[in-house]
């Protein structure tokens, strides 16, 4: 019995939709075009019955058309498939941007058979379909294939389907070209702006590199903002190294680490006899940094009295040592840093508003490590190499489970926390590999430790409720009224729960 045409048509449409779905899934698998085109061609062979299929691309530099991927061809046959623009069916399709259907390749003079596959086919007519691959009206290549068929209507349907698939491949090529262009642009920007001692290629860090390049040649005061562990000192060093003062002193001061009683002496120096322990004259950090740069870290921790003196240095470029009366003039560039919200400190009168505006001439905000995830493994590799050398234990690789833990963690301690984790892991490693179990418990996940939930939410809530009622009855020696008051329940409510959990209250009265 001959199957009705409507049923055949319906079955074909279902097959076409299934094929298009499969191809869409394949195209989303990877950004590497070479990894996805081959499976697409294999799907065309399986679902559409193509004996051989190819994706050819036009190289505008060499002006040659070459096979990018093929199914059903040997390596040598693939290498032979090279054409000039307008040469053969493929060359003409790419030149004109119009599809071509050849019902029988043996009857077509345009079918050049460069791959020498015609001679391998001896049974029946072999049809050839070639579809242009276009991006914004520009033909970049062609999708082609051959199959056995004598039904013109069936070949026409194949041609329409391959046109859709050609458009899908073109979209995939367009996306990947855009990603490649962005990566190349990013690489160029990173190479142009990146200080050599700072690690990171993310967009957020490229913006920081641009700011460093802009401000470094000037003498402008810089305020570096960012959470603890984001690398503020490295940014300050980069600004100094790229400035006109790079061969002059770079003096670092951690304002939070200095006791309030000596911070003025540390910054501005003191004269002999200025206070009990001042047995000799001392040069302060500002004088040490003369003609160079001073980096004031944790500037938000300065005392109000020191803030006044610092404001004078910023305004007048002069100060007196503690216990002295001689005014000392200096030429120092100031770079300050803080992880504290200076605006909130100003509202509480803990930080001078005029000093804030003097420091905040050129602010640089450093991103959190979790906001620059593409840099995490670059930093991990750097610290792995560093501590591998220091400990005499070269680490060959970081395991995949460990990488997954690194990438999923939120890094509240930023780069400093990552460095500490790597140092610990290197010390624990015994086989040249950093494994997931070498990382601290704070990085571990339920999956990596096998501590996932083993009960439902309802069961866990019931368990907690029973424990609370049990403890309340125990402390009240079985007195339900007292236990109910302790838990904020009525006697009836606690009675219902005693029955629900089958609690014997007599055990608490003995």
Protein backbone atom coordinates (compact mmCIF):
# COMPACT_ATOMS: atom_id res chain seq x y z
CA UNK A 1 0.00 0.00 0.00
CA UNK A 2 1.41 3.40 -1.02
CA UNK A 3 1.75 5.85 1.84
CA UNK A 4 -0.38 9.00 1.34
CA UNK A 5 1.59 12.05 0.17
CA UNK A 6 0.34 14.16 3.08
CA UNK A 7 1.77 11.67 5.57
CA UNK A 8 5.13 11.57 3.75
CA UNK A 9 5.23 15.37 3.74
CA UNK A 10 4.40 15.48 7.45
CA UNK A 11 7.13 12.97 8.31
CA UNK A 12 9.70 14.95 6.31
CA UNK A 13 8.78 18.20 8.08
CA UNK A 14 9.22 16.48 11.44
CA UNK A 15 12.65 15.22 10.33
CA UNK A 16 13.61 18.69 9.13
CA UNK A 17 12.60 20.30 12.43
CA UNK A 18 14.54 17.62 14.31
CA UNK A 19 17.61 18.25 12.14
CA UNK A 20 17.40 22.04 12.59
CA UNK A 21 17.09 21.63 16.36
CA UNK A 22 20.09 19.28 16.49
CA UNK A 23 22.19 21.70 14.41
CA UNK A 24 21.22 24.68 16.58
CA UNK A 25 22.39 22.70 19.63
CA UNK A 26 25.67 21.82 17.92
CA UNK A 27 26.36 25.43 16.93
CA UNK A 28 25.96 26.54 20.57
CA UNK A 29 28.46 24.03 21.93
CA UNK A 30 31.71 25.89 21.38
CA UNK A 31 33.20 29.15 20.13
CA UNK A 32 35.72 27.13 18.13
CA UNK A 33 34.22 26.84 14.63
CA UNK A 34 36.39 23.83 13.77
CA UNK A 35 34.88 21.84 16.63
CA UNK A 36 31.24 22.38 15.61
CA UNK A 37 31.18 22.32 11.78
CA UNK A 38 32.29 18.69 11.54
CA UNK A 39 29.39 17.41 13.73
CA UNK A 40 26.97 19.57 11.71
CA UNK A 41 28.09 17.93 8.46
CA UNK A 42 27.82 14.50 10.10
CA UNK A 43 24.23 15.32 11.09
CA UNK A 44 23.45 16.28 7.48
CA UNK A 45 24.76 12.93 6.33
CA UNK A 46 22.73 11.01 8.91
CA UNK A 47 19.42 12.90 8.67
CA UNK A 48 19.44 14.13 5.04
CA UNK A 49 21.34 11.33 3.33
CA UNK A 50 24.21 13.45 1.97
CA UNK A 51 27.05 11.19 0.83
CA UNK A 52 29.63 13.96 1.06
CA UNK A 53 29.35 17.50 2.35
CA UNK A 54 31.73 20.43 2.73
CA UNK A 55 31.97 23.93 4.12
CA UNK A 56 34.29 26.06 1.99
CA UNK A 57 35.44 29.56 2.96
CA UNK A 58 36.84 32.35 0.79
CA UNK A 59 40.19 33.73 1.96
CA UNK A 60 40.29 37.36 0.83
CA UNK A 61 44.03 37.66 1.39
CA UNK A 62 45.02 34.70 -0.78
CA UNK A 63 41.86 35.03 -2.95
CA UNK A 64 41.43 31.26 -2.76
CA UNK A 65 38.47 29.12 -1.78
CA UNK A 66 39.43 26.20 0.43
CA UNK A 67 37.58 23.44 2.25
CA UNK A 68 37.27 24.36 5.92
CA UNK A 69 35.48 21.16 6.99
CA UNK A 70 34.26 18.05 5.19
CA UNK A 71 32.34 14.84 5.80
CA UNK A 72 32.87 11.78 3.63
CA UNK A 73 36.20 12.98 2.21
CA UNK A 74 39.70 11.75 2.95
CA UNK A 75 42.44 14.18 3.96
CA UNK A 76 43.94 14.08 0.45
CA UNK A 77 40.54 14.65 -1.20
CA UNK A 78 39.96 17.59 1.13
CA UNK A 79 43.35 19.11 0.25
CA UNK A 80 42.52 18.89 -3.49
CA UNK A 81 39.34 20.92 -3.02
CA UNK A 82 40.78 24.37 -3.78
CA UNK A 83 39.14 26.87 -6.17
CA UNK A 84 39.47 30.38 -7.51
CA UNK A 85 36.61 32.85 -7.29
CA UNK A 86 34.15 32.01 -10.12
CA UNK A 87 35.76 28.64 -10.78
CA UNK A 88 33.48 25.60 -10.78
CA UNK A 89 30.10 25.47 -9.07
CA UNK A 90 31.46 26.40 -5.65
CA UNK A 91 33.49 29.30 -7.06
CA UNK A 92 30.44 30.63 -8.96
CA UNK A 93 28.15 30.34 -5.93
CA UNK A 94 30.58 32.32 -3.78
CA UNK A 95 31.11 34.87 -6.56
CA UNK A 96 27.39 35.42 -7.30
CA UNK A 97 25.92 34.68 -3.89
CA UNK A 98 23.24 32.50 -5.52
CA UNK A 99 22.52 28.81 -4.76
CA UNK A 100 22.97 26.13 -7.41
CA UNK A 101 21.22 22.76 -7.77
CA UNK A 102 22.72 20.22 -10.20
CA UNK A 103 20.36 17.22 -10.68
CA UNK A 104 23.18 15.09 -12.14
CA UNK A 105 26.88 15.91 -11.75
CA UNK A 106 27.80 13.75 -14.76
CA UNK A 107 25.78 16.09 -17.01
CA UNK A 108 27.25 19.34 -15.63
CA UNK A 109 30.42 20.85 -17.19
CA UNK A 110 30.73 23.20 -14.20
CA UNK A 111 31.24 20.31 -11.78
CA UNK A 112 35.06 20.15 -11.76
CA UNK A 113 35.36 17.20 -9.37
CA UNK A 114 38.56 18.53 -7.81
CA UNK A 115 38.21 16.10 -4.92
CA UNK A 116 38.01 13.16 -7.41
CA UNK A 117 34.88 11.71 -5.82
CA UNK A 118 32.78 11.38 -8.98
CA UNK A 119 34.66 8.26 -10.07
CA UNK A 120 33.85 6.60 -6.73
CA UNK A 121 30.11 6.78 -7.51
CA UNK A 122 28.88 4.23 -10.06
CA UNK A 123 25.21 3.70 -9.22
CA UNK A 124 22.38 6.06 -10.17
CA UNK A 125 22.34 9.80 -10.59
CA UNK A 126 24.27 11.93 -8.11
CA UNK A 127 22.78 15.38 -7.41
CA UNK A 128 24.87 18.28 -6.10
CA UNK A 129 23.56 21.22 -4.03
CA UNK A 130 25.64 24.31 -3.21
CA UNK A 131 24.37 27.11 -0.93
CA UNK A 132 26.13 30.45 -0.29
CA UNK A 133 27.07 31.33 3.30
CA UNK A 134 26.48 35.06 3.71
CA UNK A 135 27.13 37.65 6.40
CA UNK A 136 25.27 40.92 5.76
CA UNK A 137 25.00 40.36 1.99
CA UNK A 138 28.67 39.42 1.77
CA UNK A 139 29.32 35.83 0.68
CA UNK A 140 32.08 34.34 2.82
CA UNK A 141 31.81 30.71 1.72
CA UNK A 142 29.52 27.87 0.70
CA UNK A 143 27.80 24.80 2.11
CA UNK A 144 27.65 21.98 -0.43
CA UNK A 145 26.78 18.30 -0.60
CA UNK A 146 25.85 15.49 -2.96
CA UNK A 147 23.24 12.76 -2.69
CA UNK A 148 21.43 10.16 -4.71
CA UNK A 149 18.04 11.37 -5.85
CA UNK A 150 15.95 11.60 -9.02
CA UNK A 151 12.96 13.38 -7.47
CA UNK A 152 13.16 17.12 -8.41
CA UNK A 153 10.68 18.04 -5.65
CA UNK A 154 12.76 16.27 -3.02
CA UNK A 155 15.94 18.00 -4.20
CA UNK A 156 14.15 21.35 -4.12
CA UNK A 157 13.12 20.67 -0.49
CA UNK A 158 16.74 19.75 0.32
CA UNK A 159 17.93 22.99 -1.22
CA UNK A 160 15.52 25.06 0.91
CA UNK A 161 16.58 23.21 4.05
CA UNK A 162 20.30 23.64 3.30
CA UNK A 163 19.67 27.37 2.74
CA UNK A 164 18.33 27.63 6.29
CA UNK A 165 21.28 25.65 7.65
CA UNK A 166 23.67 27.86 5.64
CA UNK A 167 22.13 30.92 7.34
CA UNK A 168 22.58 29.26 10.74
CA UNK A 169 26.25 28.55 9.99
CA UNK A 170 26.68 32.16 8.81
CA UNK A 171 25.25 33.39 12.12
CA UNK A 172 27.64 31.16 14.03
CA UNK A 173 30.59 32.45 11.98
CA UNK A 174 29.49 36.06 12.58
CA UNK A 175 29.29 35.58 16.36
CA UNK A 176 32.69 33.90 16.48
CA UNK A 177 34.30 36.57 14.32
CA UNK A 178 32.92 39.24 16.64
CA UNK A 179 34.26 37.38 19.68
CA UNK A 180 37.64 37.00 17.95
CA UNK A 181 37.71 40.72 17.09
CA UNK A 182 36.88 41.61 20.70
CA UNK A 183 39.61 39.28 21.95
CA UNK A 184 42.14 40.78 19.54
CA UNK A 185 41.05 44.28 20.54
CA UNK A 186 41.31 43.32 24.20
CA UNK A 187 44.76 41.85 23.62
CA UNK A 188 45.90 45.03 21.87
CA UNK A 189 44.54 47.25 24.64
CA UNK A 190 46.04 45.04 27.33
CA UNK A 191 49.42 44.97 25.59
CA UNK A 192 49.37 48.74 25.14
CA UNK A 193 48.34 49.76 28.67
CA UNK A 194 49.25 46.86 30.97
CA UNK A 195 52.05 47.47 33.49
CA UNK A 196 54.42 44.47 33.39
CA UNK A 197 54.14 43.56 37.10
CA UNK A 198 50.32 43.48 37.20
CA UNK A 199 48.38 40.36 36.17
CA UNK A 200 44.96 40.63 34.53
CA UNK A 201 43.42 41.00 31.08
CA UNK A 202 39.76 41.55 32.03
CA UNK A 203 37.79 44.56 30.82
CA UNK A 204 37.75 46.02 34.32
CA UNK A 205 41.55 45.89 34.58
CA UNK A 206 42.08 47.30 31.07
CA UNK A 207 40.12 50.38 32.22
CA UNK A 208 42.43 50.65 35.24
CA UNK A 209 45.49 50.40 32.95
CA UNK A 210 44.14 53.25 30.83
CA UNK A 211 43.78 55.45 33.93
CA UNK A 212 47.34 54.60 35.02
CA UNK A 213 48.67 55.63 31.62
CA UNK A 214 46.73 58.89 31.71
CA UNK A 215 47.73 60.00 35.21
CA UNK A 216 51.26 58.60 35.56
CA UNK A 217 53.16 61.31 33.60
CA UNK A 218 51.57 64.11 35.65
CA UNK A 219 52.10 65.10 39.29
CA UNK A 220 48.39 64.84 40.12
CA UNK A 221 47.42 63.39 43.48
CA UNK A 222 45.80 59.97 43.06
CA UNK A 223 43.29 58.29 45.37
CA UNK A 224 43.07 54.52 44.87
CA UNK A 225 39.81 53.02 46.13
CA UNK A 226 39.14 49.33 46.58
CA UNK A 227 38.52 46.57 49.08
CA UNK A 228 41.35 45.02 51.03
CA UNK A 229 43.41 42.63 48.91
CA UNK A 230 42.60 44.12 45.50
CA UNK A 231 46.19 45.23 44.82
CA UNK A 232 46.18 48.97 45.60
CA UNK A 233 49.91 49.04 46.34
CA UNK A 234 50.73 47.47 42.95
CA UNK A 235 48.71 50.20 41.22
CA UNK A 236 50.59 52.88 43.18
CA UNK A 237 53.91 51.30 42.14
CA UNK A 238 52.77 51.21 38.51
CA UNK A 239 51.92 54.92 38.60
CA UNK A 240 55.33 55.74 40.07
CA UNK A 241 57.24 53.52 37.61
CA UNK A 242 55.53 55.17 34.65
CA UNK A 243 56.01 58.71 35.96
CA UNK A 244 58.82 61.21 35.43
CA UNK A 245 59.88 60.42 39.04
CA UNK A 246 60.54 56.74 38.35
CA UNK A 247 64.24 57.01 39.25
CA UNK A 248 63.43 58.81 42.52
CA UNK A 249 62.33 57.32 45.89
CA UNK A 250 59.03 55.48 46.27
CA UNK A 251 58.18 55.50 49.98
CA UNK A 252 55.34 53.36 51.34
CA UNK A 253 53.45 54.15 54.56
CA UNK A 254 50.63 52.07 56.04
CA UNK A 255 48.71 54.61 58.12
CA UNK A 256 46.68 51.90 59.89
CA UNK A 257 49.83 50.07 61.05
CA UNK A 258 51.37 53.07 62.82
CA UNK A 259 50.32 53.87 66.44
CA UNK A 260 48.64 57.23 66.89
CA UNK A 261 51.46 58.41 69.18
CA UNK A 262 54.20 58.08 66.55
CA UNK A 263 52.46 58.57 63.21
CA UNK A 264 53.31 62.29 63.01
CA UNK A 265 56.94 61.54 63.81
CA UNK A 266 57.01 58.80 61.15
CA UNK A 267 55.53 61.05 58.48
CA UNK A 268 57.20 64.36 59.25
CA UNK A 269 60.19 63.42 61.44
CA UNK A 270 61.18 64.93 64.80
CA UNK A 271 63.92 66.99 66.36
CA UNK A 272 66.18 65.78 69.13
CA UNK A 273 64.42 66.12 72.47
CA UNK A 274 60.97 66.59 70.94
CA UNK A 275 59.70 63.89 73.32
CA UNK A 276 61.19 61.50 75.87
CA UNK A 277 62.51 58.87 73.47
CA UNK A 278 63.67 61.39 70.83
CA UNK A 279 67.41 60.99 71.50
CA UNK A 280 68.36 62.13 67.98
CA UNK A 281 66.93 64.00 65.03
CA UNK A 282 64.82 61.78 62.74
CA UNK A 283 64.02 62.28 59.06
CA UNK A 284 60.35 61.58 58.30
CA UNK A 285 58.89 59.65 55.36
CA UNK A 286 57.97 62.84 53.48
CA UNK A 287 61.57 64.03 53.51
CA UNK A 288 62.74 60.57 52.39
CA UNK A 289 60.36 60.82 49.43
CA UNK A 290 61.54 64.29 48.35
CA UNK A 291 61.43 64.58 44.52
CA UNK A 292 59.81 61.13 44.45
CA UNK A 293 56.47 59.58 45.45
CA UNK A 294 54.93 58.76 48.80
CA UNK A 295 52.21 56.13 49.01
CA UNK A 296 49.85 56.59 51.97
CA UNK A 297 47.91 53.36 52.36
CA UNK A 298 44.78 53.20 54.55
CA UNK A 299 44.50 56.99 54.53
CA UNK A 300 41.08 56.76 56.21
CA UNK A 301 42.78 55.72 59.49
CA UNK A 302 44.71 58.99 59.96
CA UNK A 303 44.01 60.90 63.16
CA UNK A 304 42.32 64.36 62.87
CA UNK A 305 45.54 66.11 63.97
CA UNK A 306 47.61 64.31 61.32
CA UNK A 307 44.96 65.09 58.71
CA UNK A 308 45.48 68.81 59.34
CA UNK A 309 49.25 68.51 58.80
CA UNK A 310 48.76 66.40 55.68
CA UNK A 311 46.36 68.99 54.28
CA UNK A 312 49.05 71.64 54.73
CA UNK A 313 51.59 69.46 52.88
CA UNK A 314 49.15 69.05 50.01
CA UNK A 315 48.39 72.77 49.84
CA UNK A 316 51.73 74.42 50.67
CA UNK A 317 54.27 71.63 50.04
CA UNK A 318 55.84 72.35 53.44
CA UNK A 319 55.79 71.20 57.09
CA UNK A 320 57.77 71.28 60.35
CA UNK A 321 59.24 68.30 62.14
CA UNK A 322 57.73 67.37 65.49
CA UNK A 323 59.37 69.64 68.11
CA UNK A 324 60.93 71.83 65.43
CA UNK A 325 60.24 75.35 64.14
CA UNK A 326 62.08 75.25 60.82
CA UNK A 327 59.78 75.03 57.84
CA UNK A 328 60.84 72.33 55.38
CA UNK A 329 59.78 72.57 51.75
CA UNK A 330 59.43 69.38 49.71
CA UNK A 331 58.50 68.27 46.22
CA UNK A 332 56.57 65.03 46.68
CA UNK A 333 53.82 63.37 44.72
CA UNK A 334 51.15 61.85 46.94
CA UNK A 335 49.30 58.65 46.10
CA UNK A 336 46.74 57.65 48.72
CA UNK A 337 44.66 54.50 49.08
CA UNK A 338 41.79 53.37 51.23
CA UNK A 339 39.28 50.55 51.59
CA UNK A 340 37.04 52.66 53.84
CA UNK A 341 34.06 54.76 52.73
CA UNK A 342 35.54 58.24 53.14
CA UNK A 343 32.20 59.87 52.33
CA UNK A 344 30.61 58.17 55.36
CA UNK A 345 33.57 59.14 57.54
CA UNK A 346 33.11 62.79 56.50
CA UNK A 347 29.44 62.69 57.57
CA UNK A 348 30.59 61.47 61.00
CA UNK A 349 33.30 64.19 61.15
CA UNK A 350 36.01 61.52 61.21
CA UNK A 351 37.62 62.66 57.97
CA UNK A 352 38.13 66.23 56.84
CA UNK A 353 36.10 67.27 53.83
CA UNK A 354 38.79 69.67 52.54
CA UNK A 355 41.42 66.89 52.76
CA UNK A 356 39.12 64.50 50.88
CA UNK A 357 38.79 66.87 47.94
CA UNK A 358 42.55 67.48 47.92
CA UNK A 359 43.22 63.74 47.76
CA UNK A 360 40.42 62.86 45.35
CA UNK A 361 41.93 64.70 42.36
CA UNK A 362 42.22 61.55 40.24
CA UNK A 363 40.34 58.57 41.72
CA UNK A 364 41.00 55.00 40.56
CA UNK A 365 38.53 52.30 41.63
CA UNK A 366 39.89 48.75 41.69
CA UNK A 367 37.46 45.93 40.85
CA UNK A 368 36.74 43.04 43.18
CA UNK A 369 38.26 39.72 42.19
CA UNK A 370 34.78 38.20 41.73
CA UNK A 371 34.07 40.97 39.19
CA UNK A 372 37.08 39.98 37.07
CA UNK A 373 36.66 36.20 36.95
CA UNK A 374 38.58 35.86 33.69
CA UNK A 375 41.71 36.86 35.65
CA UNK A 376 41.32 34.28 38.43
CA UNK A 377 43.18 31.45 36.70
CA UNK A 378 45.88 33.83 35.40
CA UNK A 379 46.52 34.87 39.01
CA UNK A 380 46.29 31.26 40.22
CA UNK A 381 48.90 30.14 37.69
CA UNK A 382 51.19 33.02 38.69
CA UNK A 383 50.98 32.25 42.42
CA UNK A 384 51.34 28.51 41.76
CA UNK A 385 54.61 29.11 39.92
CA UNK A 386 55.79 31.59 42.57
CA UNK A 387 55.20 29.37 45.59
CA UNK A 388 56.27 26.25 43.72
CA UNK A 389 59.70 27.83 43.26
CA UNK A 390 59.85 29.17 46.84
CA UNK A 391 58.98 25.79 48.36
CA UNK A 392 61.07 23.76 45.93
CA UNK A 393 57.94 21.85 44.84
CA UNK A 394 57.21 22.59 41.18
CA UNK A 395 53.49 22.26 40.51
CA UNK A 396 52.67 20.85 37.07
CA UNK A 397 48.95 21.62 36.98
CA UNK A 398 45.79 22.59 38.83
CA UNK A 399 43.13 19.86 38.72
CA UNK A 400 39.74 20.46 37.10
CA UNK A 401 37.79 20.15 40.40
CA UNK A 402 40.12 22.72 41.96
CA UNK A 403 39.62 25.08 39.01
CA UNK A 404 35.84 24.73 39.38
CA UNK A 405 36.12 25.65 43.07
CA UNK A 406 38.26 28.68 42.23
CA UNK A 407 35.77 29.90 39.63
CA UNK A 408 32.64 29.38 41.75
CA UNK A 409 33.96 30.97 44.97
CA UNK A 410 33.06 34.62 45.74
CA UNK A 411 36.53 35.66 47.07
CA UNK A 412 35.68 38.13 49.85
CA UNK A 413 39.42 38.51 50.53
CA UNK A 414 40.14 39.21 46.85
CA UNK A 415 43.65 38.60 45.42
CA UNK A 416 45.27 38.28 48.84
CA UNK A 417 42.92 35.44 49.76
CA UNK A 418 43.60 33.70 46.44
CA UNK A 419 47.36 33.98 47.02
CA UNK A 420 47.05 32.51 50.51
CA UNK A 421 44.95 29.61 49.19
CA UNK A 422 47.54 28.82 46.52
CA UNK A 423 50.43 28.97 49.02
CA UNK A 424 48.59 26.54 51.30
CA UNK A 425 47.72 24.20 48.41
CA UNK A 426 51.33 24.12 47.16
CA UNK A 427 52.56 23.13 50.62
CA UNK A 428 49.94 20.35 50.86
CA UNK A 429 50.52 18.96 47.36
CA UNK A 430 52.56 15.77 47.19
CA UNK A 431 52.19 14.84 43.51
CA UNK A 432 52.86 18.08 41.65
CA UNK A 433 49.13 18.75 41.29
CA UNK A 434 46.83 21.12 43.20
CA UNK A 435 43.69 19.12 43.97
CA UNK A 436 40.35 20.34 45.27
CA UNK A 437 40.96 18.79 48.71
CA UNK A 438 44.08 20.96 49.09
CA UNK A 439 41.93 24.09 49.23
CA UNK A 440 40.57 25.53 52.51
CA UNK A 441 37.11 24.44 53.77
CA UNK A 442 35.72 27.90 52.92
CA UNK A 443 36.22 27.14 49.22
CA UNK A 444 34.73 23.67 49.30
CA UNK A 445 31.28 22.97 47.89
CA UNK A 446 28.66 20.41 48.90
CA UNK A 447 29.56 18.38 45.82
CA UNK A 448 33.31 18.37 46.47
CA UNK A 449 32.89 17.26 50.10
CA UNK A 450 29.85 15.00 49.71
CA UNK A 451 27.92 17.10 52.24
CA UNK A 452 24.88 17.93 50.16
CA UNK A 453 21.38 17.95 51.60
CA UNK A 454 20.21 14.46 52.48
CA UNK A 455 16.69 15.40 53.59
CA UNK A 456 13.84 17.58 52.42
CA UNK A 457 13.15 21.05 53.79
CA UNK A 458 10.01 19.78 55.51
CA UNK A 459 11.92 16.97 57.23
CA UNK A 460 14.66 19.38 58.36
CA UNK A 461 12.09 21.86 59.76
CA UNK A 462 10.26 19.08 61.62
CA UNK A 463 13.55 17.87 63.05
CA UNK A 464 14.45 21.36 64.31
CA UNK A 465 10.92 21.89 65.71
CA UNK A 466 11.08 18.62 67.62
CA UNK A 467 14.48 19.51 69.10
CA UNK A 468 13.24 22.95 70.28
CA UNK A 469 10.13 21.48 71.91
CA UNK A 470 12.18 18.69 73.48
CA UNK A 471 14.66 21.21 74.97
CA UNK A 472 11.87 23.48 76.24
CA UNK A 473 10.07 20.56 77.97
CA UNK A 474 13.37 19.37 79.42
CA UNK A 475 14.19 22.77 80.92
CA UNK A 476 10.63 23.14 82.31
CA UNK A 477 10.68 19.55 83.73
CA UNK A 478 7.74 18.55 81.55
CA UNK A 479 5.58 21.58 82.40
CA UNK A 480 3.76 22.27 79.13
CA UNK A 481 2.50 25.71 80.22
CA UNK A 482 6.02 26.90 81.05
CA UNK A 483 7.46 25.35 77.88
CA UNK A 484 4.78 26.99 75.72
CA UNK A 485 5.60 30.45 77.19
CA UNK A 486 9.28 29.87 76.52
CA UNK A 487 8.57 29.06 72.85
CA UNK A 488 5.87 31.69 72.34
CA UNK A 489 3.15 29.07 71.77
CA UNK A 490 -0.19 28.32 73.39
CA UNK A 491 -0.62 25.22 75.53
CA UNK A 492 -2.87 23.77 72.85
CA UNK A 493 -0.22 24.31 70.15
CA UNK A 494 2.52 22.67 72.17
CA UNK A 495 0.15 19.83 73.05
CA UNK A 496 -0.51 19.17 69.38
CA UNK A 497 3.20 19.07 68.65
CA UNK A 498 3.89 16.74 71.60
CA UNK A 499 1.38 14.35 70.10
CA UNK A 500 2.72 14.88 66.55
CA UNK A 501 6.28 13.99 67.54
CA UNK A 502 5.19 11.35 70.07
CA UNK A 503 7.16 12.96 72.94
CA UNK A 504 6.76 11.30 76.37
CA UNK A 505 6.67 14.27 78.81
CA UNK A 506 6.87 11.94 81.83
CA UNK A 507 10.57 11.42 81.19
CA UNK A 508 11.21 15.06 82.13
CA UNK A 509 9.43 14.91 85.55
CA UNK A 510 11.65 12.24 87.05
